[in-house]
Amino acid sequence: MRPTTTAPDRTTAAAVATVVPLALLLPATAVAVWWAVGDLSTPGGDPGPEFADPRLSAAGETAAGVLSLLVLLAAAVLLSRRSSLLRRDRRWWAVLLPVVAAGALLAVAHRVATAATVGANIGIGLISLPGVVLAAAALLWSLLRGSRLLLQHRRRARR
């Protein structure tokens, strides 16, 4: 005999169907933006010893970018399903959007930090200090808000 599905089991499945795609959004967004921005090096610039760009061929960069876009597409499909908490509760957008913004900020900061320039790369200081702090704040907000929403969702499901 097959056991019947209880309400908490469906609630847990809906939570997993929402949290897993949300967790995939940060790295997928970061790689997609990193690929879309491209190399910001100045012709004839010196990369400097501080930061080293990953040594990927053009085909490797394209493959990483396309793969990250496919992951973003899959996450969008999973999040748009009727069973997703994001579709049933709009408060989850306050978790989703900061994760996407943090991924984009970190990708741009990485491209600026690894750009080969002539002279000093002042872009590192201009983007890394506010960019990393904003990304960390956005991720912390998403983590705390998502945890709170999951707890509220579980409490409602037990009633």
N, C-alpha and C. Protein backbone atom coordinates (compact mmCIF):
# COMPACT_ATOMS: atom_id res chain seq x y z
N MET A 1 0.83 -1.18 0.00
CA MET A 1 0.00 0.00 0.00
C MET A 1 0.88 1.24 0.00
N ARG A 2 0.37 2.20 -0.65
CA ARG A 2 1.09 3.46 -0.75
C ARG A 2 0.58 4.42 0.32
N PRO A 3 1.49 5.01 1.12
CA PRO A 3 1.02 5.93 2.16
C PRO A 3 0.47 7.21 1.54
N THR A 4 -0.51 7.75 2.19
CA THR A 4 -1.08 9.00 1.71
C THR A 4 -0.17 10.16 2.08
N THR A 5 -0.19 11.18 1.27
CA THR A 5 0.64 12.35 1.52
C THR A 5 -0.08 13.27 2.48
N THR A 6 0.59 13.61 3.55
CA THR A 6 0.00 14.52 4.52
C THR A 6 0.35 15.95 4.17
N ALA A 7 -0.32 16.88 4.80
CA ALA A 7 -0.09 18.30 4.53
C ALA A 7 1.35 18.73 4.79
N PRO A 8 1.98 18.32 5.92
CA PRO A 8 3.37 18.74 6.13
C PRO A 8 4.32 18.21 5.06
N ASP A 9 4.05 17.00 4.50
CA ASP A 9 4.92 16.48 3.45
C ASP A 9 4.83 17.33 2.20
N ARG A 10 3.62 17.77 1.85
CA ARG A 10 3.46 18.64 0.68
C ARG A 10 4.07 20.00 0.94
N THR A 11 3.96 20.48 2.17
CA THR A 11 4.56 21.76 2.52
C THR A 11 6.08 21.69 2.42
N THR A 12 6.66 20.59 2.89
CA THR A 12 8.10 20.42 2.81
C THR A 12 8.54 20.34 1.35
N ALA A 13 7.77 19.64 0.53
CA ALA A 13 8.10 19.54 -0.89
C ALA A 13 8.04 20.91 -1.56
N ALA A 14 7.05 21.72 -1.20
CA ALA A 14 6.95 23.06 -1.77
C ALA A 14 8.11 23.93 -1.32
N ALA A 15 8.52 23.78 -0.07
CA ALA A 15 9.66 24.55 0.44
C ALA A 15 10.94 24.16 -0.29
N VAL A 16 11.13 22.86 -0.49
CA VAL A 16 12.33 22.40 -1.20
C VAL A 16 12.29 22.86 -2.65
N ALA A 17 11.09 22.82 -3.26
CA ALA A 17 10.96 23.27 -4.65
C ALA A 17 11.22 24.75 -4.80
N THR A 18 11.19 25.49 -3.72
CA THR A 18 11.49 26.92 -3.76
C THR A 18 12.92 27.21 -3.36
N VAL A 19 13.41 26.55 -2.32
CA VAL A 19 14.73 26.87 -1.77
C VAL A 19 15.87 26.39 -2.68
N VAL A 20 15.72 25.23 -3.29
CA VAL A 20 16.79 24.71 -4.14
C VAL A 20 17.05 25.63 -5.35
N PRO A 21 16.01 26.04 -6.11
CA PRO A 21 16.29 26.99 -7.20
C PRO A 21 16.84 28.32 -6.70
N LEU A 22 16.39 28.77 -5.52
CA LEU A 22 16.93 30.01 -4.98
C LEU A 22 18.43 29.88 -4.69
N ALA A 23 18.84 28.71 -4.19
CA ALA A 23 20.25 28.49 -3.90
C ALA A 23 21.09 28.44 -5.19
N LEU A 24 20.49 27.99 -6.28
CA LEU A 24 21.21 27.94 -7.55
C LEU A 24 21.35 29.31 -8.20
N LEU A 25 20.51 30.26 -7.80
CA LEU A 25 20.52 31.56 -8.45
C LEU A 25 21.81 32.34 -8.24
N LEU A 26 22.39 32.27 -7.05
CA LEU A 26 23.60 33.06 -6.78
C LEU A 26 24.76 32.67 -7.70
N PRO A 27 25.19 31.40 -7.72
CA PRO A 27 26.32 31.10 -8.61
C PRO A 27 25.96 31.22 -10.09
N ALA A 28 24.74 30.86 -10.45
CA ALA A 28 24.36 30.95 -11.87
C ALA A 28 24.30 32.40 -12.34
N THR A 29 23.77 33.28 -11.51
CA THR A 29 23.73 34.70 -11.88
C THR A 29 25.14 35.27 -11.94
N ALA A 30 25.98 34.91 -10.99
CA ALA A 30 27.35 35.42 -10.98
C ALA A 30 28.11 35.01 -12.24
N VAL A 31 28.00 33.76 -12.62
CA VAL A 31 28.72 33.30 -13.82
C VAL A 31 28.12 33.92 -15.09
N ALA A 32 26.80 34.02 -15.15
CA ALA A 32 26.17 34.61 -16.34
C ALA A 32 26.56 36.07 -16.51
N VAL A 33 26.56 36.83 -15.43
CA VAL A 33 26.96 38.25 -15.52
C VAL A 33 28.45 38.36 -15.81
N TRP A 34 29.26 37.51 -15.19
CA TRP A 34 30.70 37.50 -15.43
C TRP A 34 30.97 37.27 -16.91
N TRP A 35 30.24 36.33 -17.50
CA TRP A 35 30.41 36.03 -18.92
C TRP A 35 29.91 37.18 -19.79
N ALA A 36 28.76 37.76 -19.43
CA ALA A 36 28.17 38.83 -20.23
C ALA A 36 29.03 40.10 -20.19
N VAL A 37 29.63 40.40 -19.04
CA VAL A 37 30.48 41.60 -18.92
C VAL A 37 31.74 41.42 -19.75
N GLY A 38 32.34 40.27 -19.71
CA GLY A 38 33.55 40.02 -20.49
C GLY A 38 34.78 40.64 -19.85
N ASP A 39 35.89 40.49 -20.53
CA ASP A 39 37.16 41.00 -20.03
C ASP A 39 37.19 42.52 -20.11
N LEU A 40 37.54 43.17 -19.02
CA LEU A 40 37.59 44.63 -18.97
C LEU A 40 39.01 45.18 -19.07
N SER A 41 39.94 44.33 -19.46
CA SER A 41 41.34 44.74 -19.52
C SER A 41 41.58 45.80 -20.58
N THR A 42 42.51 46.70 -20.26
CA THR A 42 42.96 47.72 -21.20
C THR A 42 44.00 47.10 -22.11
N PRO A 43 43.95 47.37 -23.42
CA PRO A 43 44.99 46.82 -24.30
C PRO A 43 46.37 47.28 -23.84
N GLY A 44 47.27 46.34 -23.71
CA GLY A 44 48.63 46.65 -23.26
C GLY A 44 48.74 46.81 -21.76
N GLY A 45 47.68 46.50 -21.04
CA GLY A 45 47.69 46.64 -19.58
C GLY A 45 48.39 45.49 -18.89
N ASP A 46 48.81 45.74 -17.67
CA ASP A 46 49.48 44.74 -16.86
C ASP A 46 48.49 44.19 -15.85
N PRO A 47 48.28 42.86 -15.82
CA PRO A 47 47.30 42.32 -14.87
C PRO A 47 47.71 42.47 -13.41
N GLY A 48 48.97 42.60 -13.15
CA GLY A 48 49.44 42.78 -11.78
C GLY A 48 49.44 41.46 -11.02
N PRO A 49 50.23 41.39 -9.97
CA PRO A 49 50.34 40.14 -9.22
C PRO A 49 49.22 39.92 -8.22
N GLU A 50 48.40 40.94 -7.94
CA GLU A 50 47.40 40.84 -6.89
C GLU A 50 46.28 39.86 -7.24
N PHE A 51 45.77 39.99 -8.43
CA PHE A 51 44.63 39.19 -8.84
C PHE A 51 44.94 38.49 -10.15
N ALA A 52 44.51 37.27 -10.25
CA ALA A 52 44.69 36.53 -11.49
C ALA A 52 43.32 36.10 -12.00
N ASP A 53 43.07 36.43 -13.24
CA ASP A 53 41.82 36.01 -13.88
C ASP A 53 41.89 34.51 -14.12
N PRO A 54 40.78 33.79 -14.01
CA PRO A 54 40.84 32.36 -14.30
C PRO A 54 41.28 32.13 -15.74
N ARG A 55 42.13 31.19 -15.93
CA ARG A 55 42.66 30.91 -17.26
C ARG A 55 41.69 29.99 -18.01
N LEU A 56 40.73 30.59 -18.66
CA LEU A 56 39.78 29.85 -19.48
C LEU A 56 39.93 30.29 -20.92
N SER A 57 39.78 29.35 -21.80
CA SER A 57 39.78 29.71 -23.22
C SER A 57 38.46 30.40 -23.54
N ALA A 58 38.38 30.98 -24.73
CA ALA A 58 37.13 31.62 -25.14
C ALA A 58 36.00 30.60 -25.18
N ALA A 59 36.32 29.38 -25.61
CA ALA A 59 35.29 28.32 -25.63
C ALA A 59 34.87 27.94 -24.22
N GLY A 60 35.81 27.92 -23.29
CA GLY A 60 35.48 27.60 -21.89
C GLY A 60 34.60 28.68 -21.26
N GLU A 61 34.91 29.94 -21.55
CA GLU A 61 34.08 31.04 -21.04
C GLU A 61 32.67 30.96 -21.62
N THR A 62 32.58 30.69 -22.90
CA THR A 62 31.27 30.58 -23.55
C THR A 62 30.48 29.41 -22.97
N ALA A 63 31.15 28.28 -22.77
CA ALA A 63 30.47 27.11 -22.20
C ALA A 63 29.97 27.41 -20.79
N ALA A 64 30.79 28.07 -19.98
CA ALA A 64 30.37 28.42 -18.63
C ALA A 64 29.19 29.39 -18.66
N GLY A 65 29.24 30.37 -19.56
CA GLY A 65 28.15 31.33 -19.67
C GLY A 65 26.85 30.69 -20.12
N VAL A 66 26.92 29.85 -21.13
CA VAL A 66 25.71 29.19 -21.63
C VAL A 66 25.16 28.23 -20.58
N LEU A 67 26.03 27.48 -19.90
CA LEU A 67 25.57 26.57 -18.85
C LEU A 67 24.89 27.34 -17.72
N SER A 68 25.45 28.48 -17.35
CA SER A 68 24.83 29.27 -16.28
C SER A 68 23.48 29.82 -16.72
N LEU A 69 23.36 30.19 -17.98
CA LEU A 69 22.05 30.64 -18.49
C LEU A 69 21.03 29.51 -18.47
N LEU A 70 21.47 28.30 -18.77
CA LEU A 70 20.56 27.15 -18.70
C LEU A 70 20.12 26.87 -17.27
N VAL A 71 21.04 27.02 -16.32
CA VAL A 71 20.69 26.85 -14.90
C VAL A 71 19.70 27.93 -14.48
N LEU A 72 19.91 29.17 -14.93
CA LEU A 72 18.96 30.25 -14.62
C LEU A 72 17.59 29.96 -15.22
N LEU A 73 17.56 29.43 -16.42
CA LEU A 73 16.29 29.08 -17.06
C LEU A 73 15.59 27.97 -16.28
N ALA A 74 16.33 26.95 -15.89
CA ALA A 74 15.75 25.86 -15.10
C ALA A 74 15.22 26.37 -13.76
N ALA A 75 15.98 27.26 -13.11
CA ALA A 75 15.52 27.83 -11.84
C ALA A 75 14.26 28.65 -12.04
N ALA A 76 14.19 29.40 -13.13
CA ALA A 76 12.98 30.19 -13.42
C ALA A 76 11.78 29.29 -13.65
N VAL A 77 11.97 28.19 -14.35
CA VAL A 77 10.87 27.25 -14.58
C VAL A 77 10.41 26.64 -13.26
N LEU A 78 11.36 26.23 -12.42
CA LEU A 78 10.99 25.64 -11.13
C LEU A 78 10.30 26.64 -10.22
N LEU A 79 10.75 27.89 -10.26
CA LEU A 79 10.15 28.90 -9.40
C LEU A 79 8.79 29.38 -9.91
N SER A 80 8.52 29.17 -11.17
CA SER A 80 7.23 29.62 -11.71
C SER A 80 6.16 28.54 -11.63
N ARG A 81 6.51 27.36 -11.16
CA ARG A 81 5.52 26.29 -11.03
C ARG A 81 4.49 26.67 -9.98
N ARG A 82 3.32 26.13 -10.15
CA ARG A 82 2.21 26.43 -9.24
C ARG A 82 2.53 26.01 -7.80
N SER A 83 3.32 24.95 -7.64
CA SER A 83 3.63 24.45 -6.29
C SER A 83 4.69 25.29 -5.59
N SER A 84 5.34 26.19 -6.28
CA SER A 84 6.41 26.99 -5.68
C SER A 84 5.83 27.99 -4.68
N LEU A 85 6.53 28.15 -3.58
CA LEU A 85 6.12 29.13 -2.58
C LEU A 85 6.21 30.55 -3.14
N LEU A 86 7.11 30.77 -4.08
CA LEU A 86 7.28 32.09 -4.68
C LEU A 86 6.01 32.52 -5.42
N ARG A 87 5.35 31.57 -6.01
CA ARG A 87 4.13 31.88 -6.75
C ARG A 87 2.95 32.08 -5.81
N ARG A 88 2.95 31.36 -4.69
CA ARG A 88 1.83 31.46 -3.76
C ARG A 88 2.00 32.58 -2.75
N ASP A 89 3.22 32.98 -2.48
CA ASP A 89 3.47 33.99 -1.46
C ASP A 89 4.46 35.01 -2.01
N ARG A 90 3.99 36.20 -2.28
CA ARG A 90 4.83 37.21 -2.93
C ARG A 90 5.96 37.72 -2.04
N ARG A 91 5.91 37.42 -0.76
CA ARG A 91 7.00 37.86 0.13
C ARG A 91 8.32 37.18 -0.22
N TRP A 92 8.27 36.07 -0.95
CA TRP A 92 9.50 35.39 -1.34
C TRP A 92 10.31 36.18 -2.36
N TRP A 93 9.68 37.16 -3.02
CA TRP A 93 10.44 38.01 -3.94
C TRP A 93 11.49 38.81 -3.18
N ALA A 94 11.23 39.11 -1.91
CA ALA A 94 12.20 39.82 -1.08
C ALA A 94 13.40 38.94 -0.75
N VAL A 95 13.30 37.65 -1.00
CA VAL A 95 14.42 36.74 -0.83
C VAL A 95 15.14 36.56 -2.17
N LEU A 96 14.38 36.44 -3.23
CA LEU A 96 14.93 36.17 -4.55
C LEU A 96 15.74 37.32 -5.13
N LEU A 97 15.20 38.50 -5.14
CA LEU A 97 15.86 39.63 -5.81
C LEU A 97 17.21 40.01 -5.19
N PRO A 98 17.36 40.02 -3.85
CA PRO A 98 18.70 40.31 -3.31
C PRO A 98 19.74 39.26 -3.66
N VAL A 99 19.33 38.00 -3.81
CA VAL A 99 20.28 36.95 -4.20
C VAL A 99 20.79 37.21 -5.62
N VAL A 100 19.88 37.56 -6.52
CA VAL A 100 20.26 37.85 -7.90
C VAL A 100 21.15 39.09 -7.95
N ALA A 101 20.80 40.12 -7.19
CA ALA A 101 21.61 41.34 -7.17
C ALA A 101 23.00 41.08 -6.61
N ALA A 102 23.10 40.25 -5.57
CA ALA A 102 24.40 39.94 -4.99
C ALA A 102 25.27 39.18 -5.99
N GLY A 103 24.69 38.25 -6.71
CA GLY A 103 25.45 37.52 -7.73
C GLY A 103 25.98 38.44 -8.81
N ALA A 104 25.14 39.37 -9.26
CA ALA A 104 25.56 40.32 -10.29
C ALA A 104 26.66 41.25 -9.77
N LEU A 105 26.51 41.75 -8.55
CA LEU A 105 27.53 42.63 -7.96
C LEU A 105 28.88 41.94 -7.83
N LEU A 106 28.85 40.70 -7.35
CA LEU A 106 30.11 39.97 -7.18
C LEU A 106 30.78 39.68 -8.52
N ALA A 107 29.99 39.39 -9.54
CA ALA A 107 30.57 39.12 -10.85
C ALA A 107 31.23 40.38 -11.44
N VAL A 108 30.56 41.50 -11.33
CA VAL A 108 31.14 42.75 -11.84
C VAL A 108 32.39 43.12 -11.04
N ALA A 109 32.33 42.95 -9.73
CA ALA A 109 33.50 43.24 -8.90
C ALA A 109 34.68 42.35 -9.29
N HIS A 110 34.41 41.10 -9.60
CA HIS A 110 35.50 40.20 -10.01
C HIS A 110 36.10 40.63 -11.34
N ARG A 111 35.26 41.01 -12.28
CA ARG A 111 35.77 41.44 -13.59
C ARG A 111 36.60 42.72 -13.46
N VAL A 112 36.17 43.64 -12.62
CA VAL A 112 36.93 44.88 -12.42
C VAL A 112 38.24 44.57 -11.70
N ALA A 113 38.21 43.70 -10.71
CA ALA A 113 39.42 43.40 -9.94
C ALA A 113 40.47 42.67 -10.77
N THR A 114 40.04 41.87 -11.73
CA THR A 114 41.00 41.09 -12.52
C THR A 114 41.36 41.75 -13.84
N ALA A 115 40.89 42.97 -14.07
CA ALA A 115 41.20 43.66 -15.33
C ALA A 115 42.65 44.12 -15.34
N ALA A 116 43.31 43.88 -16.46
CA ALA A 116 44.67 44.38 -16.64
C ALA A 116 44.59 45.85 -17.03
N THR A 117 45.32 46.69 -16.31
CA THR A 117 45.26 48.13 -16.57
C THR A 117 46.68 48.69 -16.73
N VAL A 118 46.73 49.87 -17.27
CA VAL A 118 48.00 50.60 -17.34
C VAL A 118 48.03 51.47 -16.08
N GLY A 119 48.99 51.23 -15.23
CA GLY A 119 49.04 51.97 -13.97
C GLY A 119 48.23 51.25 -12.90
N ALA A 120 47.73 52.04 -11.97
CA ALA A 120 46.98 51.47 -10.85
C ALA A 120 45.53 51.17 -11.27
N ASN A 121 45.00 50.10 -10.74
CA ASN A 121 43.60 49.72 -11.00
C ASN A 121 42.76 50.26 -9.85
N ILE A 122 42.34 51.53 -9.95
CA ILE A 122 41.56 52.13 -8.86
C ILE A 122 40.13 51.60 -8.84
N GLY A 123 39.75 50.93 -9.89
CA GLY A 123 38.41 50.33 -9.93
C GLY A 123 38.21 49.28 -8.85
N ILE A 124 39.31 48.65 -8.43
CA ILE A 124 39.21 47.63 -7.38
C ILE A 124 38.62 48.24 -6.12
N GLY A 125 39.18 49.34 -5.69
CA GLY A 125 38.68 49.99 -4.47
C GLY A 125 37.29 50.56 -4.64
N LEU A 126 37.02 51.09 -5.83
CA LEU A 126 35.72 51.72 -6.04
C LEU A 126 34.57 50.71 -6.10
N ILE A 127 34.85 49.50 -6.55
CA ILE A 127 33.77 48.52 -6.65
C ILE A 127 33.81 47.49 -5.52
N SER A 128 35.01 47.16 -5.05
CA SER A 128 35.07 46.07 -4.07
C SER A 128 34.53 46.47 -2.70
N LEU A 129 34.85 47.66 -2.24
CA LEU A 129 34.36 48.03 -0.91
C LEU A 129 32.83 48.11 -0.86
N PRO A 130 32.21 48.96 -1.66
CA PRO A 130 30.74 49.00 -1.57
C PRO A 130 30.09 47.75 -2.16
N GLY A 131 30.69 47.18 -3.22
CA GLY A 131 30.08 46.03 -3.87
C GLY A 131 30.04 44.80 -2.99
N VAL A 132 31.15 44.50 -2.35
CA VAL A 132 31.20 43.31 -1.48
C VAL A 132 30.34 43.51 -0.24
N VAL A 133 30.36 44.70 0.32
CA VAL A 133 29.52 44.97 1.50
C VAL A 133 28.04 44.86 1.14
N LEU A 134 27.65 45.44 0.01
CA LEU A 134 26.25 45.35 -0.42
C LEU A 134 25.84 43.92 -0.73
N ALA A 135 26.73 43.16 -1.38
CA ALA A 135 26.43 41.77 -1.69
C ALA A 135 26.28 40.95 -0.41
N ALA A 136 27.17 41.17 0.55
CA ALA A 136 27.06 40.44 1.83
C ALA A 136 25.78 40.81 2.56
N ALA A 137 25.43 42.09 2.56
CA ALA A 137 24.19 42.53 3.21
C ALA A 137 22.97 41.93 2.52
N ALA A 138 23.00 41.89 1.19
CA ALA A 138 21.87 41.32 0.45
C ALA A 138 21.72 39.83 0.74
N LEU A 139 22.84 39.11 0.80
CA LEU A 139 22.77 37.68 1.10
C LEU A 139 22.31 37.42 2.53
N LEU A 140 22.79 38.23 3.46
CA LEU A 140 22.34 38.08 4.85
C LEU A 140 20.85 38.36 4.96
N TRP A 141 20.38 39.41 4.30
CA TRP A 141 18.95 39.73 4.29
C TRP A 141 18.16 38.54 3.74
N SER A 142 18.59 38.00 2.61
CA SER A 142 17.87 36.89 1.99
C SER A 142 17.86 35.66 2.88
N LEU A 143 18.97 35.39 3.53
CA LEU A 143 19.04 34.24 4.42
C LEU A 143 18.09 34.39 5.60
N LEU A 144 18.12 35.55 6.24
CA LEU A 144 17.25 35.79 7.39
C LEU A 144 15.79 35.83 6.99
N ARG A 145 15.47 36.52 5.91
CA ARG A 145 14.08 36.62 5.45
C ARG A 145 13.55 35.26 4.99
N GLY A 146 14.36 34.51 4.27
CA GLY A 146 13.95 33.18 3.83
C GLY A 146 13.73 32.23 5.00
N SER A 147 14.60 32.28 5.99
CA SER A 147 14.42 31.43 7.18
C SER A 147 13.13 31.78 7.91
N ARG A 148 12.88 33.07 8.04
CA ARG A 148 11.66 33.51 8.71
C ARG A 148 10.40 33.07 7.95
N LEU A 149 10.43 33.21 6.64
CA LEU A 149 9.28 32.80 5.84
C LEU A 149 9.06 31.29 5.90
N LEU A 150 10.14 30.50 5.90
CA LEU A 150 9.99 29.05 6.02
C LEU A 150 9.39 28.67 7.36
N LEU A 151 9.85 29.32 8.43
CA LEU A 151 9.29 29.02 9.75
C LEU A 151 7.81 29.38 9.81
N GLN A 152 7.44 30.54 9.27
CA GLN A 152 6.03 30.92 9.25
C GLN A 152 5.21 29.94 8.42
N HIS A 153 5.77 29.49 7.32
CA HIS A 153 5.06 28.55 6.44
C HIS A 153 4.84 27.22 7.14
N ARG A 154 5.84 26.75 7.87
CA ARG A 154 5.72 25.47 8.60
C ARG A 154 4.70 25.59 9.73
N ARG A 155 4.70 26.72 10.42
CA ARG A 155 3.73 26.90 11.51
C ARG A 155 2.29 26.88 10.97
N ARG A 156 2.07 27.56 9.83
CA ARG A 156 0.74 27.56 9.24
C ARG A 156 0.33 26.18 8.76
N ALA A 157 1.29 25.39 8.28
CA ALA A 157 0.97 24.05 7.77
C ALA A 157 0.61 23.10 8.91
N ARG A 158 1.14 23.32 10.10
CA ARG A 158 0.85 22.44 11.24
C ARG A 158 -0.52 22.69 11.84
N ARG A 159 -1.09 23.86 11.57
CA ARG A 159 -2.39 24.18 12.15
C ARG A 159 -3.49 23.41 11.51
